[in-house]
Amino acid sequence: MRILVLSDIHANLEALDAVLDAAPAVDATWVAGDIVGYGPEPDEVVERLRERGVTAVRGNHDAAAVGGDEIDYFNEDARRAMLWTRGVISDRTRAWLTALPERVEREGFTLAHGSPRDPIWEYVTTTPVARASFDAMTTSHGVIGHTHRPAAYLNDDGVMSLMTPAEGSQLTFGARRVLLNAGSVGQPRDGIATASWMVLDTVLGTADWRRTAYDIASVQAAMRRVALPSFLRDRLAYGG
């Protein structure tokens, strides 16, 4: 089964559409949370994903958008953007986000936003945290988001290693357990401004990381029109 894996779209329709245009034919699309927040087009992004029939899980921004207390832990810019998001999303978008589960199991993978043991908040950035994530899964493999950085954690009979994929990187994981992060579509934070995404083949046991350029200036202009914080606009240009 070939799967398009997306994460951390953050209401950036321009980036999402660029990725969908660039992506190959797949059997399914998985989204590892944070569909809204930061960006200017939450309703449009949700509608695009709804039309595609994606399998998605809830991120901390998605939970905050529908009234969750996650907003209490946001920094000032993220909080301002979330208050705006709460005020503009439609009832249809709110209902769709509310219905998202925190974890999903598909094709031998656990899909979560933060980590399999703490789907909303935990950042998987080290091999010890990744090991704990493997212990929290009943599946062999996992797909996560939240960090906005592409990564692959490998567990080879208990020996842990980390791969930091570059554009065009392919991992053949074979019998090893893996925890995969596609990076961020709408707010990359690895110093590269292009949208990051992944194609997963569950039959061949491969993961391919891709990058796609999009019209950042038009997204920044849309954010400016609705007075979203300048810091969030500016960081799109440098992927930080």
Foldseek 3Di string as FASTA:
>chain_A
DKEWEAEQQAQVVQLVVQCVVPDDDGDAYEYAENQHFLFQHSQVSLVVCVVRVHQYAYELLLCVLLPDPSLVVDPPLRNVRSVVSNVPHDPVSSVVSVPGHQWDDDLLEIGAEAALVDRYDHHPDDQVVVVVRCVSDPGQEYEYEPPLAWKKWWQDVNDIDIDRDDAFDKDQRPPIYMYTYQGHSHQHAPQDLFGKIWMADSVRRMITIHTGHGDLVVRLVSCVVSVRDPVSSVNSVGRD
